[in-house]
Protein backbone atom coordinates (compact mmCIF):
# COMPACT_ATOMS: atom_id res chain seq x y z
CA MET A 1 16.66 17.39 4.82
CA GLY A 2 16.41 13.90 6.27
CA ARG A 3 15.83 10.67 4.39
CA VAL A 4 14.51 7.23 5.16
CA GLN A 5 17.00 4.39 5.42
CA LEU A 6 16.02 0.89 4.40
CA ALA A 7 18.30 -2.04 5.10
CA ILE A 8 17.66 -5.22 3.14
CA ASP A 9 19.23 -8.67 3.34
CA VAL A 10 19.93 -9.89 -0.21
CA GLY A 11 20.92 -13.33 -1.43
CA ASP A 12 23.20 -12.11 -4.24
CA LEU A 13 24.79 -8.70 -3.74
CA ASP A 14 25.86 -8.22 -7.37
CA GLU A 15 22.36 -9.01 -8.66
CA ALA A 16 20.82 -6.64 -6.10
CA ILE A 17 23.26 -3.84 -6.94
CA GLY A 18 22.38 -4.19 -10.62
CA PHE A 19 18.66 -4.06 -9.88
CA TYR A 20 18.72 -1.08 -7.50
CA THR A 21 21.12 0.86 -9.74
CA ARG A 22 18.54 0.60 -12.54
CA LEU A 23 15.50 1.09 -10.31
CA PHE A 24 16.76 4.41 -8.91
CA SER A 25 19.07 5.41 -11.81
CA THR A 26 21.82 5.79 -9.18
CA GLU A 27 25.16 4.03 -8.71
CA PRO A 28 26.05 2.75 -5.24
CA ALA A 29 27.82 5.24 -2.95
CA LYS A 30 29.83 2.43 -1.34
CA VAL A 31 30.45 -1.23 -2.14
CA LYS A 32 32.38 -3.53 0.21
CA ASP A 33 32.58 -7.28 0.59
CA GLY A 34 29.00 -8.32 1.39
CA TYR A 35 27.79 -4.70 1.66
CA ALA A 36 26.59 -1.82 -0.48
CA ASN A 37 24.78 1.44 0.13
CA PHE A 38 23.08 3.99 -2.08
CA ALA A 39 22.50 7.69 -1.36
CA ILE A 40 19.47 8.23 -3.56
CA THR A 41 18.34 11.78 -4.29
CA ASP A 42 14.88 11.20 -5.75
CA PRO A 43 13.18 9.99 -3.68
CA PRO A 44 15.41 10.86 -0.69
CA LEU A 45 16.52 7.43 0.52
CA LYS A 46 19.51 5.70 2.05
CA LEU A 47 19.36 2.11 0.85
CA VAL A 48 21.66 -0.41 2.52
CA LEU A 49 22.19 -3.96 1.23
CA PHE A 50 23.67 -6.77 3.32
CA GLU A 51 24.58 -9.98 1.50
CA LYS A 52 23.19 -13.06 3.23
CA PRO A 53 23.24 -15.97 0.78
CA GLY A 54 20.18 -18.14 1.25
CA ALA A 55 18.56 -15.64 3.63
CA GLY A 56 17.66 -12.67 1.44
CA GLY A 57 14.33 -10.98 0.91
CA THR A 58 12.98 -10.73 4.42
CA LEU A 59 10.70 -7.69 3.96
CA ASN A 60 7.02 -7.69 3.08
CA HIS A 61 7.35 -4.83 0.61
CA LEU A 62 8.80 -1.39 0.20
CA GLY A 63 7.23 1.64 -1.35
CA VAL A 64 7.66 5.11 -2.70
CA GLU A 65 4.71 7.42 -2.08
CA VAL A 66 4.43 10.33 -4.50
CA GLU A 67 2.01 13.24 -4.70
CA THR A 68 0.26 12.68 -8.06
CA ALA A 69 -0.81 9.90 -10.41
CA ALA A 70 1.30 11.56 -13.11
CA GLU A 71 4.37 10.89 -10.96
CA VAL A 72 3.40 7.20 -10.73
CA VAL A 73 3.03 7.04 -14.52
CA ALA A 74 6.39 8.79 -15.05
CA ALA A 75 8.16 6.52 -12.56
CA GLU A 76 6.71 3.40 -14.16
CA ALA A 77 7.82 4.59 -17.61
CA ARG A 78 11.35 5.28 -16.36
CA ILE A 79 11.57 1.92 -14.59
CA ALA A 80 10.29 0.07 -17.66
CA ASP A 81 12.80 1.99 -19.80
CA GLU A 82 15.52 0.58 -17.51
CA GLY A 83 14.39 -2.89 -18.59
CA LEU A 84 12.66 -3.82 -15.35
CA GLU A 85 9.28 -5.54 -15.48
CA THR A 86 6.39 -3.73 -13.76
CA THR A 87 2.72 -4.51 -13.38
CA GLY A 88 1.80 -1.39 -15.31
CA VAL A 89 -0.12 1.44 -13.67
CA GLY A 90 -3.56 0.85 -12.24
CA ASP A 91 -6.03 1.88 -9.58
CA ALA A 92 -6.77 -0.26 -6.54
CA LEU A 93 -8.32 -0.36 -3.11
CA CYS A 94 -5.68 -1.83 -0.86
CA CYS A 95 -4.62 -1.67 2.78
CA PHE A 96 -7.47 0.69 3.65
CA ALA A 97 -6.58 3.17 0.87
CA GLU A 98 -7.52 4.06 -2.69
CA LYS A 99 -4.35 4.22 -4.77
CA THR A 100 -2.90 4.59 -8.22
CA GLU A 101 0.08 2.26 -8.24
CA THR A 102 2.62 0.13 -10.04
CA TRP A 103 4.54 -2.81 -8.59
CA LEU A 104 7.71 -4.71 -9.41
CA HIS A 105 9.77 -7.49 -7.91
CA ALA A 106 13.43 -7.00 -6.99
CA PRO A 107 15.94 -9.81 -6.49
CA ASP A 108 15.02 -12.12 -3.61
CA ASP A 109 11.31 -11.39 -4.32
CA VAL A 110 11.30 -8.06 -2.49
CA ARG A 111 8.19 -6.25 -3.71
CA TRP A 112 8.31 -2.51 -4.50
CA GLU A 113 5.29 -0.26 -4.91
CA TRP A 114 5.25 3.23 -6.47
CA TYR A 115 1.96 4.86 -5.54
CA VAL A 116 -0.18 7.85 -4.74
CA LYS A 117 -2.93 7.59 -2.15
CA THR A 118 -6.06 9.10 -3.64
CA GLY A 119 -8.46 8.38 -0.80
CA ASP A 120 -9.38 6.23 2.15
CA SER A 121 -11.11 2.85 1.96
CA GLU A 122 -12.73 0.41 4.33
CA GLU A 123 -11.14 -2.47 2.33
CA PHE A 124 -7.97 -4.15 3.55
CA ALA A 125 -7.73 -6.81 0.86
CA ASP A 126 -6.72 -5.98 -2.70
CA VAL A 127 -9.59 -4.84 -4.96
CA GLN A 128 -8.65 -3.83 -8.50
CA LEU A 129 -10.56 -0.93 -10.06
CA GLY A 130 -11.12 -0.91 -13.80
CA PRO A 131 -9.44 -3.28 -16.26
CA SER A 132 -5.99 -3.18 -14.64
CA ALA A 133 -4.73 -5.94 -12.37
CA VAL A 134 -1.60 -4.32 -10.96
CA ALA A 135 -0.73 -6.65 -8.09
CA ASP A 136 -1.78 -8.52 -5.02
CA CYS A 137 -0.82 -5.56 -2.90
CA CYS A 138 -1.87 -6.55 0.59
CA ALA A 139 -0.15 -9.56 2.07
CA PRO A 140 -2.64 -11.99 3.61
CA VAL A 141 -3.16 -11.64 7.33
CA ALA A 142 -3.15 -14.85 9.31
CA VAL A 143 -6.55 -15.93 10.55
CA GLY A 144 -7.00 -14.55 14.05
CA ASP A 145 -4.45 -11.74 13.62
CA VAL A 146 -6.37 -8.56 14.27
CA SER A 147 -3.39 -6.33 15.03
CA ALA A 148 -3.45 -2.81 13.58
CA GLY A 149 -7.15 -3.18 12.80
CA ALA A 150 -6.64 -5.81 10.12
CA PRO A 151 -9.59 -8.11 9.44
CA ALA A 152 -9.37 -11.45 11.22
CA ALA A 153 -10.19 -13.67 8.23
CA VAL A 154 -8.20 -12.41 5.27
CA GLU A 155 -6.72 -15.47 3.56
CA PRO A 156 -5.12 -16.01 0.13
CA GLY A 157 -7.79 -16.41 -2.51
């Protein structure tokens, strides 16, 4: 079975190792000067961290897609039990999809989303459903950027 690899620049390697160890309930497979990697079983993921003081957090966000809303709820409970702050679980229209999701911020302001796609949507921008306000999931698209079908006038509100 294959797995996705994600490589992230982090400003403080020790802080990042502590966060990701708790997030995935997994110790690093390898730690070297300025480098760490994790071989995570659930979800299947190879996570690589490169220490770059002052230049960490260069991704928009990362996510774990699961098959059911119950898995989102269970993941959020486990993450919260590890002492990490989440947005709670909620439903949203975001990035042209209906989702049940939870979000949290890692060191260097890297955003993580645990979600299940429950349907398609014509909305790109974040629309919260019900009383929950889980996150500002979709990053604003610069005015005039219509790549990948994104609306041309989505700006921060």
